[in-house]
C-alpha atoms as a PDB file:
ATOM      1  CA  MET A   1       6.245  -5.881  18.058  1.00  0.00           C
ATOM      2  CA  ARG A   2       9.110  -6.241  20.275  1.00  0.00           C
ATOM      3  CA  ALA A   3      12.591  -8.395  18.821  1.00  0.00           C
ATOM      4  CA  ALA A   4      15.727  -8.873  20.226  1.00  0.00           C
ATOM      5  CA  ARG A   5      18.028  -7.407  17.548  1.00  0.00           C
ATOM      6  CA  PHE A   6      21.855  -7.906  16.768  1.00  0.00           C
ATOM      7  CA  HIS A   7      23.655  -4.840  15.957  1.00  0.00           C
ATOM      8  CA  ALA A   8      26.663  -5.508  16.605  1.00  0.00           C
ATOM      9  CA  ARG A   9      29.434  -7.328  18.676  1.00  0.00           C
ATOM     10  CA  LYS A  10      27.930  -7.368  22.746  1.00  0.00           C
ATOM     11  CA  ASP A  11      25.102  -5.045  21.141  1.00  0.00           C
ATOM     12  CA  ILE A  12      21.698  -6.837  20.959  1.00  0.00           C
ATOM     13  CA  ARG A  13      18.735  -4.565  21.775  1.00  0.00           C
ATOM     14  CA  ILE A  14      14.928  -5.171  22.466  1.00  0.00           C
ATOM     15  CA  ASP A  15      13.604  -2.658  19.667  1.00  0.00           C
ATOM     16  CA  ASP A  16      10.186  -1.613  18.237  1.00  0.00           C
ATOM     17  CA  ILE A  17       9.625  -2.957  14.693  1.00  0.00           C
ATOM     18  CA  PRO A  18       6.683  -3.730  12.643  1.00  0.00           C
ATOM     19  CA  GLU A  19       5.302  -6.908  12.476  1.00  0.00           C
ATOM     20  CA  PRO A  20       6.335  -8.881   9.399  1.00  0.00           C
ATOM     21  CA  GLU A  21       3.798  -9.064   6.299  1.00  0.00           C
ATOM     22  CA  LEU A  22       1.921 -12.236   4.958  1.00  0.00           C
ATOM     23  CA  LEU A  23       2.857 -12.742   1.372  1.00  0.00           C
ATOM     24  CA  PRO A  24       1.543 -15.783  -1.049  1.00  0.00           C
ATOM     25  CA  GLY A  25       3.342 -18.706  -0.031  1.00  0.00           C
ATOM     26  CA  THR A  26       4.157 -17.728   3.620  1.00  0.00           C
ATOM     27  CA  VAL A  27       3.077 -18.764   6.887  1.00  0.00           C
ATOM     28  CA  ALA A  28       2.070 -16.359  10.016  1.00  0.00           C
ATOM     29  CA  ILE A  29       3.408 -17.267  13.501  1.00  0.00           C
ATOM     30  CA  ASP A  30       2.940 -16.396  16.765  1.00  0.00           C
ATOM     31  CA  VAL A  31       6.377 -17.354  18.228  1.00  0.00           C
ATOM     32  CA  ALA A  32       5.495 -19.280  21.742  1.00  0.00           C
ATOM     33  CA  TRP A  33       9.364 -20.269  22.741  1.00  0.00           C
ATOM     34  CA  CYS A  34      13.042 -19.672  21.662  1.00  0.00           C
ATOM     35  CA  GLY A  35      15.884 -21.277  22.484  1.00  0.00           C
ATOM     36  CA  ILE A  36      19.316 -19.318  23.002  1.00  0.00           C
ATOM     37  CA  CYS A  37      21.923 -21.478  20.909  1.00  0.00           C
ATOM     38  CA  GLY A  38      25.890 -21.753  21.273  1.00  0.00           C
ATOM     39  CA  THR A  39      25.984 -19.744  17.938  1.00  0.00           C
ATOM     40  CA  ASP A  40      23.633 -16.929  19.376  1.00  0.00           C
ATOM     41  CA  LEU A  41      26.649 -16.474  21.678  1.00  0.00           C
ATOM     42  CA  HIS A  42      29.172 -16.789  19.397  1.00  0.00           C
ATOM     43  CA  GLU A  43      27.145 -13.797  17.521  1.00  0.00           C
ATOM     44  CA  TYR A  44      27.153 -11.756  20.720  1.00  0.00           C
ATOM     45  CA  LEU A  45      30.640 -12.646  21.960  1.00  0.00           C
ATOM     46  CA  GLU A  46      32.933 -12.654  18.515  1.00  0.00           C
ATOM     47  CA  GLY A  47      30.550 -11.547  15.548  1.00  0.00           C
ATOM     48  CA  PRO A  48      28.995 -10.514  13.355  1.00  0.00           C
ATOM     49  CA  ILE A  49      29.985 -14.147  11.843  1.00  0.00           C
ATOM     50  CA  PHE A  50      26.218 -15.543  10.405  1.00  0.00           C
ATOM     51  CA  VAL A  51      25.021 -12.249  10.643  1.00  0.00           C
ATOM     52  CA  PRO A  52      25.785  -9.712   7.728  1.00  0.00           C
ATOM     53  CA  PRO A  53      27.656  -6.431   9.212  1.00  0.00           C
ATOM     54  CA  ALA A  54      25.906  -3.297   8.331  1.00  0.00           C
ATOM     55  CA  GLY A  55      26.134  -2.264   5.092  1.00  0.00           C
ATOM     56  CA  HIS A  56      26.946  -5.682   3.842  1.00  0.00           C
ATOM     57  CA  PRO A  57      23.420  -7.438   3.036  1.00  0.00           C
ATOM     58  CA  HIS A  58      23.083 -10.658   2.489  1.00  0.00           C
ATOM     59  CA  PRO A  59      22.611 -11.838  -1.109  1.00  0.00           C
ATOM     60  CA  ILE A  60      19.767 -13.595  -0.456  1.00  0.00           C
ATOM     61  CA  SER A  61      18.116 -11.929   2.163  1.00  0.00           C
ATOM     62  CA  GLY A  62      18.615  -8.837   1.599  1.00  0.00           C
ATOM     63  CA  GLU A  63      19.291  -7.748   4.612  1.00  0.00           C
ATOM     64  CA  SER A  64      22.358  -6.761   7.225  1.00  0.00           C
ATOM     65  CA  ALA A  65      22.779  -5.534  11.153  1.00  0.00           C
ATOM     66  CA  PRO A  66      20.645  -5.107  12.525  1.00  0.00           C
ATOM     67  CA  VAL A  67      18.727  -8.565  12.352  1.00  0.00           C
ATOM     68  CA  THR A  68      16.508 -10.271  14.509  1.00  0.00           C
ATOM     69  CA  MET A  69      17.782 -12.870  16.392  1.00  0.00           C
ATOM     70  CA  GLY A  70      16.586 -16.389  17.251  1.00  0.00           C
ATOM     71  CA  HIS A  71      16.429 -19.725  15.049  1.00  0.00           C
ATOM     72  CA  GLU A  72      15.217 -22.302  17.440  1.00  0.00           C
ATOM     73  CA  PHE A  73      11.870 -21.926  17.697  1.00  0.00           C
ATOM     74  CA  SER A  74       8.297 -22.966  18.107  1.00  0.00           C
ATOM     75  CA  GLY A  75       4.775 -21.427  17.574  1.00  0.00           C
ATOM     76  CA  THR A  76       1.218 -21.344  16.549  1.00  0.00           C
ATOM     77  CA  ILE A  77       0.023 -20.459  12.960  1.00  0.00           C
ATOM     78  CA  THR A  78      -2.292 -17.404  12.808  1.00  0.00           C
ATOM     79  CA  GLU A  79      -2.716 -16.907   9.020  1.00  0.00           C
ATOM     80  CA  LEU A  80      -2.145 -18.788   5.745  1.00  0.00           C
ATOM     81  CA  GLY A  81      -0.783 -16.866   2.544  1.00  0.00           C
ATOM     82  CA  ASP A  82      -2.453 -17.454  -0.801  1.00  0.00           C
ATOM     83  CA  GLY A  83      -1.520 -20.865  -2.060  1.00  0.00           C
ATOM     84  CA  VAL A  84      -1.023 -22.608   1.533  1.00  0.00           C
ATOM     85  CA  SER A  85      -3.633 -25.053   1.507  1.00  0.00           C
ATOM     86  CA  ASP A  86      -2.201 -27.838   3.413  1.00  0.00           C
ATOM     87  CA  LEU A  87      -1.807 -26.763   6.705  1.00  0.00           C
ATOM     88  CA  GLU A  88      -4.304 -24.769   9.406  1.00  0.00           C
ATOM     89  CA  VAL A  89      -4.589 -21.756  11.501  1.00  0.00           C
ATOM     90  CA  GLY A  90      -3.952 -23.071  15.109  1.00  0.00           C
ATOM     91  CA  GLN A  91      -1.603 -25.241  14.373  1.00  0.00           C
ATOM     92  CA  ASN A  92       1.278 -25.658  16.553  1.00  0.00           C
ATOM     93  CA  VAL A  93       4.766 -25.805  14.482  1.00  0.00           C
ATOM     94  CA  VAL A  94       8.293 -25.480  14.593  1.00  0.00           C
ATOM     95  CA  VAL A  95      10.381 -23.509  11.905  1.00  0.00           C
ATOM     96  CA  GLU A  96      13.502 -24.974   9.594  1.00  0.00           C
ATOM     97  CA  PRO A  97      15.224 -21.958   9.975  1.00  0.00           C
ATOM     98  CA  TYR A  98      16.893 -21.401   6.847  1.00  0.00           C
ATOM     99  CA  ILE A  99      17.665 -18.596   4.410  1.00  0.00           C
ATOM    100  CA  ILE A 100      17.898 -20.238   1.087  1.00  0.00           C
ATOM    101  CA  ALA A 101      17.469 -19.177  -2.535  1.00  0.00           C
ATOM    102  CA  ASP A 102      13.742 -19.917  -3.967  1.00  0.00           C
ATOM    103  CA  ASP A 103      15.453 -22.455  -6.778  1.00  0.00           C
ATOM    104  CA  VAL A 104      17.397 -24.665  -4.161  1.00  0.00           C
ATOM    105  CA  ASP A 105      15.802 -28.272  -4.450  1.00  0.00           C
ATOM    106  CA  THR A 106      14.857 -28.989  -0.636  1.00  0.00           C
ATOM    107  CA  GLY A 107      12.896 -32.311  -1.195  1.00  0.00           C
ATOM    108  CA  PRO A 108      14.165 -35.495  -0.053  1.00  0.00           C
ATOM    109  CA  GLY A 109      17.738 -36.531  -0.379  1.00  0.00           C
ATOM    110  CA  GLN A 110      18.736 -32.787  -1.103  1.00  0.00           C
ATOM    111  CA  SER A 111      21.820 -31.602   0.696  1.00  0.00           C
ATOM    112  CA  TYR A 112      20.651 -28.364   0.593  1.00  0.00           C
ATOM    113  CA  GLN A 113      21.885 -26.975   3.814  1.00  0.00           C
ATOM    114  CA  LEU A 114      25.219 -26.816   1.429  1.00  0.00           C
ATOM    115  CA  SER A 115      23.901 -24.822  -0.858  1.00  0.00           C
ATOM    116  CA  GLU A 116      25.563 -21.239  -2.314  1.00  0.00           C
ATOM    117  CA  ASN A 117      24.630 -18.423   0.450  1.00  0.00           C
ATOM    118  CA  MET A 118      22.809 -20.094   2.863  1.00  0.00           C
ATOM    119  CA  ASN A 119      22.043 -18.622   6.245  1.00  0.00           C
ATOM    120  CA  PHE A 120      19.707 -19.156   8.790  1.00  0.00           C
ATOM    121  CA  ILE A 121      16.466 -16.969   9.473  1.00  0.00           C
ATOM    122  CA  GLY A 122      17.125 -15.274  12.969  1.00  0.00           C
ATOM    123  CA  LEU A 123      20.883 -14.349  11.886  1.00  0.00           C
ATOM    124  CA  GLY A 124      20.666 -13.691   8.235  1.00  0.00           C
ATOM    125  CA  GLY A 125      17.559 -11.828   8.132  1.00  0.00           C
ATOM    126  CA  ARG A 126      13.814 -12.897   7.781  1.00  0.00           C
ATOM    127  CA  GLY A 127      13.017 -12.351  10.871  1.00  0.00           C
ATOM    128  CA  GLY A 128      13.675 -14.489  14.174  1.00  0.00           C
ATOM    129  CA  GLY A 129      12.361 -16.394  17.156  1.00  0.00           C
ATOM    130  CA  LEU A 130      13.221 -13.980  19.525  1.00  0.00           C
ATOM    131  CA  SER A 131      10.508 -12.009  18.063  1.00  0.00           C
ATOM    132  CA  GLU A 132       6.617 -11.871  18.826  1.00  0.00           C
ATOM    133  CA  LYS A 133       5.701 -13.070  15.270  1.00  0.00           C
ATOM    134  CA  ILE A 134       7.278 -14.342  12.320  1.00  0.00           C
ATOM    135  CA  VAL A 135       6.337 -14.898   8.728  1.00  0.00           C
ATOM    136  CA  VAL A 136       8.293 -17.614   6.972  1.00  0.00           C
ATOM    137  CA  GLN A 137       8.159 -19.707   3.724  1.00  0.00           C
ATOM    138  CA  ARG A 138       5.816 -22.770   3.780  1.00  0.00           C
ATOM    139  CA  ARG A 139       8.379 -25.129   2.712  1.00  0.00           C
ATOM    140  CA  TRP A 140      10.492 -24.445   6.489  1.00  0.00           C
ATOM    141  CA  VAL A 141       7.121 -25.265   8.749  1.00  0.00           C
ATOM    142  CA  HIS A 142       6.800 -28.171  10.200  1.00  0.00           C
ATOM    143  CA  PRO A 143       3.672 -29.520  12.270  1.00  0.00           C
ATOM    144  CA  ILE A 144       4.181 -31.143  15.881  1.00  0.00           C
ATOM    145  CA  GLY A 145       0.984 -32.740  16.503  1.00  0.00           C
ATOM    146  CA  ASP A 146       1.071 -33.046  20.696  1.00  0.00           C
ATOM    147  CA  ILE A 147       4.574 -31.670  21.202  1.00  0.00           C
ATOM    148  CA  PRO A 148       4.572 -29.438  23.979  1.00  0.00           C
ATOM    149  CA  LEU A 149       5.676 -26.014  22.696  1.00  0.00           C
ATOM    150  CA  ASP A 150       8.149 -25.207  25.192  1.00  0.00           C
ATOM    151  CA  GLN A 151      10.252 -28.525  24.244  1.00  0.00           C
ATOM    152  CA  ALA A 152       9.477 -28.100  20.739  1.00  0.00           C
ATOM    153  CA  ALA A 153      11.827 -25.331  20.897  1.00  0.00           C
ATOM    154  CA  LEU A 154      14.406 -27.804  21.257  1.00  0.00           C
ATOM    155  CA  ILE A 155      13.740 -29.541  17.373  1.00  0.00           C
ATOM    156  CA  GLU A 156      15.829 -27.696  15.895  1.00  0.00           C
ATOM    157  CA  PRO A 157      19.113 -28.087  17.660  1.00  0.00           C
ATOM    158  CA  LEU A 158      18.005 -31.931  18.340  1.00  0.00           C
ATOM    159  CA  SER A 159      17.896 -31.691  14.215  1.00  0.00           C
ATOM    160  CA  VAL A 160      21.494 -30.502  14.180  1.00  0.00           C
ATOM    161  CA  ALA A 161      22.522 -33.465  16.746  1.00  0.00           C
ATOM    162  CA  HIS A 162      20.758 -36.106  14.115  1.00  0.00           C
ATOM    163  CA  HIS A 163      22.255 -35.131  10.879  1.00  0.00           C
ATOM    164  CA  ALA A 164      25.475 -34.846  12.565  1.00  0.00           C
ATOM    165  CA  VAL A 165      24.785 -38.407  13.700  1.00  0.00           C
ATOM    166  CA  VAL A 166      23.421 -39.184  10.182  1.00  0.00           C
ATOM    167  CA  ARG A 167      26.904 -37.692   9.025  1.00  0.00           C
ATOM    168  CA  SER A 168      28.885 -40.100  11.113  1.00  0.00           C
ATOM    169  CA  ASP A 169      27.396 -43.341   9.947  1.00  0.00           C
ATOM    170  CA  ALA A 170      27.131 -44.433  13.458  1.00  0.00           C
ATOM    171  CA  GLY A 171      25.014 -47.665  13.579  1.00  0.00           C
ATOM    172  CA  ALA A 172      23.446 -49.647  16.649  1.00  0.00           C
ATOM    173  CA  GLY A 173      26.133 -51.970  18.370  1.00  0.00           C
ATOM    174  CA  GLN A 174      28.996 -48.984  18.054  1.00  0.00           C
ATOM    175  CA  ILE A 175      30.932 -47.341  20.526  1.00  0.00           C
ATOM    176  CA  ALA A 176      30.725 -43.493  20.569  1.00  0.00           C
ATOM    177  CA  VAL A 177      32.265 -40.861  22.538  1.00  0.00           C
ATOM    178  CA  VAL A 178      31.055 -37.431  22.824  1.00  0.00           C
ATOM    179  CA  GLY A 179      33.135 -34.287  23.565  1.00  0.00           C
ATOM    180  CA  GLY A 180      30.992 -31.593  25.680  1.00  0.00           C
ATOM    181  CA  ALA A 181      27.904 -32.143  27.029  1.00  0.00           C
ATOM    182  CA  GLY A 182      26.234 -28.723  26.169  1.00  0.00           C
ATOM    183  CA  PRO A 183      22.933 -28.679  24.396  1.00  0.00           C
ATOM    184  CA  ILE A 184      24.604 -30.092  21.105  1.00  0.00           C
ATOM    185  CA  GLY A 185      26.716 -32.564  23.146  1.00  0.00           C
ATOM    186  CA  LEU A 186      23.498 -33.842  25.011  1.00  0.00           C
ATOM    187  CA  LEU A 187      21.563 -34.172  22.247  1.00  0.00           C
ATOM    188  CA  THR A 188      23.712 -35.850  20.005  1.00  0.00           C
ATOM    189  CA  ALA A 189      24.077 -38.206  22.970  1.00  0.00           C
ATOM    190  CA  ALA A 190      20.789 -38.881  23.331  1.00  0.00           C
ATOM    191  CA  VAL A 191      20.003 -39.420  19.035  1.00  0.00           C
ATOM    192  CA  LEU A 192      23.337 -41.868  19.371  1.00  0.00           C
ATOM    193  CA  LYS A 193      21.487 -43.871  22.217  1.00  0.00           C
ATOM    194  CA  ALA A 194      17.848 -44.117  20.604  1.00  0.00           C
ATOM    195  CA  LYS A 195      20.069 -45.594  17.943  1.00  0.00           C
ATOM    196  CA  GLY A 196      21.527 -48.294  20.168  1.00  0.00           C
ATOM    197  CA  LEU A 197      24.926 -46.989  20.313  1.00  0.00           C
ATOM    198  CA  THR A 198      27.024 -46.823  23.939  1.00  0.00           C
ATOM    199  CA  VAL A 199      27.841 -43.249  24.498  1.00  0.00           C
ATOM    200  CA  TYR A 200      30.647 -42.104  26.686  1.00  0.00           C
ATOM    201  CA  ILE A 201      30.739 -38.310  27.420  1.00  0.00           C
ATOM    202  CA  SER A 202      33.742 -36.225  28.350  1.00  0.00           C
ATOM    203  CA  GLU A 203      32.703 -33.188  30.316  1.00  0.00           C
ATOM    204  CA  LEU A 204      34.214 -30.744  33.293  1.00  0.00           C
ATOM    205  CA  SER A 205      30.909 -29.406  34.705  1.00  0.00           C
ATOM    206  CA  GLU A 206      29.198 -30.961  37.625  1.00  0.00           C
ATOM    207  CA  ALA A 207      25.858 -30.277  36.635  1.00  0.00           C
ATOM    208  CA  ARG A 208      26.075 -31.096  32.764  1.00  0.00           C
ATOM    209  CA  LYS A 209      27.761 -34.489  33.811  1.00  0.00           C
ATOM    210  CA  GLU A 210      25.056 -35.024  36.154  1.00  0.00           C
ATOM    211  CA  MET A 211      22.208 -34.200  33.110  1.00  0.00           C
ATOM    212  CA  ALA A 212      24.001 -36.494  30.835  1.00  0.00           C
ATOM    213  CA  LEU A 213      23.733 -39.301  33.459  1.00  0.00           C
ATOM    214  CA  SER A 214      20.181 -38.496  34.952  1.00  0.00           C
ATOM    215  CA  THR A 215      18.672 -38.288  31.382  1.00  0.00           C
ATOM    216  CA  GLY A 216      20.155 -41.678  30.178  1.00  0.00           C
ATOM    217  CA  VAL A 217      21.695 -40.405  27.401  1.00  0.00           C
ATOM    218  CA  ALA A 218      25.300 -41.375  28.524  1.00  0.00           C
ATOM    219  CA  ASP A 219      26.308 -44.530  29.365  1.00  0.00           C
ATOM    220  CA  GLU A 220      29.572 -43.414  31.094  1.00  0.00           C
ATOM    221  CA  VAL A 221      30.253 -39.489  32.162  1.00  0.00           C
ATOM    222  CA  LEU A 222      34.767 -38.874  31.979  1.00  0.00           C
ATOM    223  CA  ASP A 223      36.183 -35.956  33.598  1.00  0.00           C
ATOM    224  CA  PRO A 224      39.711 -35.554  32.011  1.00  0.00           C
ATOM    225  CA  ARG A 225      40.624 -34.006  35.076  1.00  0.00           C
ATOM    226  CA  ASP A 226      40.075 -37.305  36.836  1.00  0.00           C
ATOM    227  CA  SER A 227      41.773 -39.645  34.093  1.00  0.00           C
ATOM    228  CA  ASN A 228      42.812 -39.729  30.636  1.00  0.00           C
ATOM    229  CA  VAL A 229      39.593 -39.979  28.578  1.00  0.00           C
ATOM    230  CA  ALA A 230      41.198 -41.722  25.890  1.00  0.00           C
ATOM    231  CA  GLU A 231      42.788 -44.195  27.724  1.00  0.00           C
ATOM    232  CA  THR A 232      39.854 -44.899  29.763  1.00  0.00           C
ATOM    233  CA  VAL A 233      38.029 -45.356  26.151  1.00  0.00           C
ATOM    234  CA  ARG A 234      40.311 -48.016  25.236  1.00  0.00           C
ATOM    235  CA  GLU A 235      40.407 -49.682  28.332  1.00  0.00           C
ATOM    236  CA  ARG A 236      36.401 -50.119  28.102  1.00  0.00           C
ATOM    237  CA  THR A 237      36.553 -51.433  24.871  1.00  0.00           C
ATOM    238  CA  ASP A 238      39.545 -53.831  25.238  1.00  0.00           C
ATOM    239  CA  GLY A 239      41.983 -51.294  23.474  1.00  0.00           C
ATOM    240  CA  ARG A 240      39.847 -50.984  20.369  1.00  0.00           C
ATOM    241  CA  GLY A 241      38.969 -47.308  21.099  1.00  0.00           C
ATOM    242  CA  ALA A 242      35.466 -45.655  19.953  1.00  0.00           C
ATOM    243  CA  ASP A 243      34.033 -46.618  16.591  1.00  0.00           C
ATOM    244  CA  VAL A 244      32.963 -42.359  16.667  1.00  0.00           C
ATOM    245  CA  GLY A 245      33.463 -39.271  17.973  1.00  0.00           C
ATOM    246  CA  PHE A 246      31.724 -35.896  18.324  1.00  0.00           C
ATOM    247  CA  GLU A 247      33.758 -32.376  18.896  1.00  0.00           C
ATOM    248  CA  CYS A 248      30.599 -30.642  20.563  1.00  0.00           C
ATOM    249  CA  SER A 249      32.824 -27.913  22.316  1.00  0.00           C
ATOM    250  CA  SER A 250      34.773 -25.782  20.243  1.00  0.00           C
ATOM    251  CA  VAL A 251      37.963 -26.753  22.574  1.00  0.00           C
ATOM    252  CA  PRO A 252      40.879 -27.751  20.943  1.00  0.00           C
ATOM    253  CA  ALA A 253      42.246 -30.288  23.718  1.00  0.00           C
ATOM    254  CA  VAL A 254      38.517 -32.127  23.235  1.00  0.00           C
ATOM    255  CA  LEU A 255      39.485 -32.779  19.576  1.00  0.00           C
ATOM    256  CA  ASP A 256      42.966 -33.899  20.702  1.00  0.00           C
ATOM    257  CA  MET A 257      40.991 -36.371  22.832  1.00  0.00           C
ATOM    258  CA  LEU A 258      38.951 -37.544  20.413  1.00  0.00           C
ATOM    259  CA  ILE A 259      41.656 -37.977  17.703  1.00  0.00           C
ATOM    260  CA  ASP A 260      43.256 -39.915  20.270  1.00  0.00           C
ATOM    261  CA  ALA A 261      40.149 -41.961  21.275  1.00  0.00           C
ATOM    262  CA  VAL A 262      38.471 -43.029  18.570  1.00  0.00           C
ATOM    263  CA  ARG A 263      40.139 -46.646  16.461  1.00  0.00           C
ATOM    264  CA  PRO A 264      42.152 -46.372  13.446  1.00  0.00           C
ATOM    265  CA  GLY A 265      39.802 -45.970  10.987  1.00  0.00           C
ATOM    266  CA  GLY A 266      37.098 -44.277  13.356  1.00  0.00           C
ATOM    267  CA  VAL A 267      35.119 -41.026  12.285  1.00  0.00           C
ATOM    268  CA  ILE A 268      34.971 -37.889  13.938  1.00  0.00           C
ATOM    269  CA  VAL A 269      32.319 -35.334  13.351  1.00  0.00           C
ATOM    270  CA  ASN A 270      32.862 -31.802  14.112  1.00  0.00           C
ATOM    271  CA  VAL A 271      29.392 -30.289  15.187  1.00  0.00           C
ATOM    272  CA  SER A 272      30.612 -27.566  17.099  1.00  0.00           C
ATOM    273  CA  ILE A 273      30.886 -24.001  15.518  1.00  0.00           C
ATOM    274  CA  TRP A 274      34.398 -22.518  16.067  1.00  0.00           C
ATOM    275  CA  GLY A 275      34.893 -18.941  16.842  1.00  0.00           C
ATOM    276  CA  HIS A 276      38.813 -19.137  15.837  1.00  0.00           C
ATOM    277  CA  LYS A 277      40.965 -21.682  13.908  1.00  0.00           C
ATOM    278  CA  PRO A 278      42.680 -24.883  15.796  1.00  0.00           C
ATOM    279  CA  GLU A 279      45.386 -26.636  15.542  1.00  0.00           C
ATOM    280  CA  VAL A 280      44.468 -30.077  14.422  1.00  0.00           C
ATOM    281  CA  ASP A 281      47.050 -33.147  15.232  1.00  0.00           C
ATOM    282  CA  MET A 282      47.428 -33.952  11.416  1.00  0.00           C
ATOM    283  CA  PRO A 283      49.956 -36.792  11.895  1.00  0.00           C
ATOM    284  CA  LYS A 284      47.862 -38.852  14.279  1.00  0.00           C
ATOM    285  CA  LEU A 285      45.269 -38.299  12.167  1.00  0.00           C
ATOM    286  CA  VAL A 286      47.083 -39.486   9.266  1.00  0.00           C
ATOM    287  CA  LEU A 287      48.579 -42.653  10.852  1.00  0.00           C
ATOM    288  CA  LYS A 288      45.026 -43.670  12.008  1.00  0.00           C
ATOM    289  CA  GLU A 289      43.513 -43.453   8.849  1.00  0.00           C
ATOM    290  CA  ILE A 290      40.536 -41.208  10.912  1.00  0.00           C
ATOM    291  CA  ASP A 291      37.792 -39.623   9.047  1.00  0.00           C
ATOM    292  CA  LEU A 292      36.984 -35.840  10.174  1.00  0.00           C
ATOM    293  CA  ARG A 293      34.062 -34.648   8.850  1.00  0.00           C
ATOM    294  CA  GLY A 294      32.338 -31.565   9.123  1.00  0.00           C
ATOM    295  CA  THR A 295      28.367 -31.004   9.734  1.00  0.00           C
ATOM    296  CA  ILE A 296      26.105 -27.875   9.420  1.00  0.00           C
ATOM    297  CA  GLY A 297      22.851 -27.629  10.206  1.00  0.00           C
ATOM    298  CA  TYR A 298      20.195 -30.514   8.597  1.00  0.00           C
ATOM    299  CA  SER A 299      18.475 -31.664   5.679  1.00  0.00           C
ATOM    300  CA  GLY A 300      15.416 -33.735   5.888  1.00  0.00           C
ATOM    301  CA  ASP A 301      16.075 -34.301   9.301  1.00  0.00           C
ATOM    302  CA  HIS A 302      13.140 -32.340  10.899  1.00  0.00           C
ATOM    303  CA  PRO A 303      10.637 -35.461  10.471  1.00  0.00           C
ATOM    304  CA  GLU A 304      12.646 -37.681  12.137  1.00  0.00           C
ATOM    305  CA  THR A 305      13.368 -35.615  15.119  1.00  0.00           C
ATOM    306  CA  ILE A 306      10.009 -34.331  15.202  1.00  0.00           C
ATOM    307  CA  ARG A 307       9.257 -38.458  15.602  1.00  0.00           C
ATOM    308  CA  LEU A 308      11.469 -39.029  18.144  1.00  0.00           C
ATOM    309  CA  ALA A 309      10.229 -36.166  19.806  1.00  0.00           C
ATOM    310  CA  SER A 310       6.519 -37.197  20.232  1.00  0.00           C
ATOM    311  CA  SER A 311       7.058 -40.684  20.583  1.00  0.00           C
ATOM    312  CA  GLY A 312       8.667 -39.948  23.721  1.00  0.00           C
ATOM    313  CA  THR A 313      11.934 -41.710  22.435  1.00  0.00           C
ATOM    314  CA  ILE A 314      13.919 -38.467  23.658  1.00  0.00           C
ATOM    315  CA  ASP A 315      12.505 -36.403  26.395  1.00  0.00           C
ATOM    316  CA  LEU A 316      13.527 -32.679  25.301  1.00  0.00           C
ATOM    317  CA  SER A 317      11.315 -31.332  28.526  1.00  0.00           C
ATOM    318  CA  ALA A 318      14.745 -32.871  30.824  1.00  0.00           C
ATOM    319  CA  PHE A 319      16.817 -30.441  28.807  1.00  0.00           C
ATOM    320  CA  ILE A 320      14.949 -27.219  29.756  1.00  0.00           C
ATOM    321  CA  THR A 321      17.033 -25.317  32.510  1.00  0.00           C
ATOM    322  CA  ALA A 322      15.500 -22.026  32.405  1.00  0.00           C
ATOM    323  CA  ARG A 323      12.822 -20.213  31.265  1.00  0.00           C
ATOM    324  CA  ILE A 324      12.960 -16.357  30.776  1.00  0.00           C
ATOM    325  CA  GLY A 325      11.010 -13.386  29.382  1.00  0.00           C
ATOM    326  CA  LEU A 326      12.499 -11.014  26.318  1.00  0.00           C
ATOM    327  CA  ASP A 327      13.154  -8.335  29.061  1.00  0.00           C
ATOM    328  CA  GLU A 328      15.725 -11.104  30.704  1.00  0.00           C
ATOM    329  CA  LEU A 329      17.444 -11.963  27.594  1.00  0.00           C
ATOM    330  CA  ILE A 330      20.852 -10.331  28.444  1.00  0.00           C
ATOM    331  CA  SER A 331      20.818 -10.890  31.991  1.00  0.00           C
ATOM    332  CA  GLY A 332      19.105 -13.867  32.426  1.00  0.00           C
ATOM    333  CA  GLY A 333      20.045 -15.364  29.457  1.00  0.00           C
ATOM    334  CA  PHE A 334      23.266 -14.407  27.495  1.00  0.00           C
ATOM    335  CA  ASP A 335      24.886 -14.103  30.568  1.00  0.00           C
ATOM    336  CA  GLU A 336      24.044 -16.700  32.394  1.00  0.00           C
ATOM    337  CA  LEU A 337      24.991 -18.960  29.458  1.00  0.00           C
ATOM    338  CA  ILE A 338      28.327 -17.009  29.483  1.00  0.00           C
ATOM    339  CA  ASN A 339      29.402 -16.922  33.058  1.00  0.00           C
ATOM    340  CA  ASN A 340      27.520 -19.282  34.561  1.00  0.00           C
ATOM    341  CA  ASN A 341      27.189 -22.580  31.985  1.00  0.00           C
ATOM    342  CA  GLU A 342      27.939 -25.103  34.178  1.00  0.00           C
ATOM    343  CA  GLN A 343      24.201 -24.468  35.750  1.00  0.00           C
ATOM    344  CA  HIS A 344      22.537 -24.595  32.464  1.00  0.00           C
ATOM    345  CA  VAL A 345      22.110 -26.495  29.586  1.00  0.00           C
ATOM    346  CA  LYS A 346      18.836 -24.739  27.619  1.00  0.00           C
ATOM    347  CA  ILE A 347      17.458 -21.650  28.168  1.00  0.00           C
ATOM    348  CA  ILE A 348      14.073 -20.971  26.414  1.00  0.00           C
ATOM    349  CA  VAL A 349      12.780 -17.391  26.033  1.00  0.00           C
ATOM    350  CA  ASP A 350       8.677 -16.124  25.885  1.00  0.00           C
ATOM    351  CA  PRO A 351       8.744 -13.024  23.522  1.00  0.00           C
ATOM    352  CA  ARG A 352       6.041 -11.953  25.186  1.00  0.00           C
ATOM    353  CA  GLY A 353       7.601 -12.019  28.461  1.00  0.00           C
END
């Protein structure tokens, strides 16, 4: 089968590789769509980060570069391994793309995303969504009912956003400011609106500003070129500031803005993956007693995000800005998101295209 594999920085190739083998306790899936994630772009431009470098295999997957990429994907079950009896061939599903040791408890309430040597399918080995087929452990497979398969490719980033909102302890009636209206920023805003918050988004791109407003995930979009975003947020909140902030851009100026914009005692959740170490305004963080929280992945978030999408509470179709085939991955996918990102939110890939 064909697969997009990371060989080295700025070296992703469409290779012919063997189809994966069905093992006991696993599920075989024909991949329908796979999204290109900001993490994939970081790997391409700055990696390897999550990808184990060639000659240094991951301790759980046992794999190193080259590895198949893609961790935001949907598909249809084609075969069930021995011992899997609660799914059916023909079901449409998404995959929670974790590489986690077999003895880690992934049940409700467990923070399995923080387990030792955690990595992701599509980055750390075990196949990926940028291929025609994949075989995964049963525990990572989630049926999606009637959600269209193209929209379902966004369930994974929506789960990232949902987990970030859970980490913030944000509640209905509060004020949130989101730094960056890329895919994760927009989806974080969508979850916040679904929870009943007022949402301000800071963004430069005209296309992404329009997306935030047209989808209804922002009450107001603020352009830092036009005014001081933090001051505007304080004006809108009678001088108080936002209750929660979400860093979704990997831009130091955005983190500075959030530290300024949230109220004393407020919470900032860093959602983005940084390719470098930013400076942090620690004096202001200390004097305002701001709670700066990290977040990675998700843990038990997929069922709720599937419910939000299937109920129509969040319309994922609005965030898809392009559909391409695997042969266009670099020219129509990575290059577009790197050089023309103002025009795109989420590009999804048909592995058979």
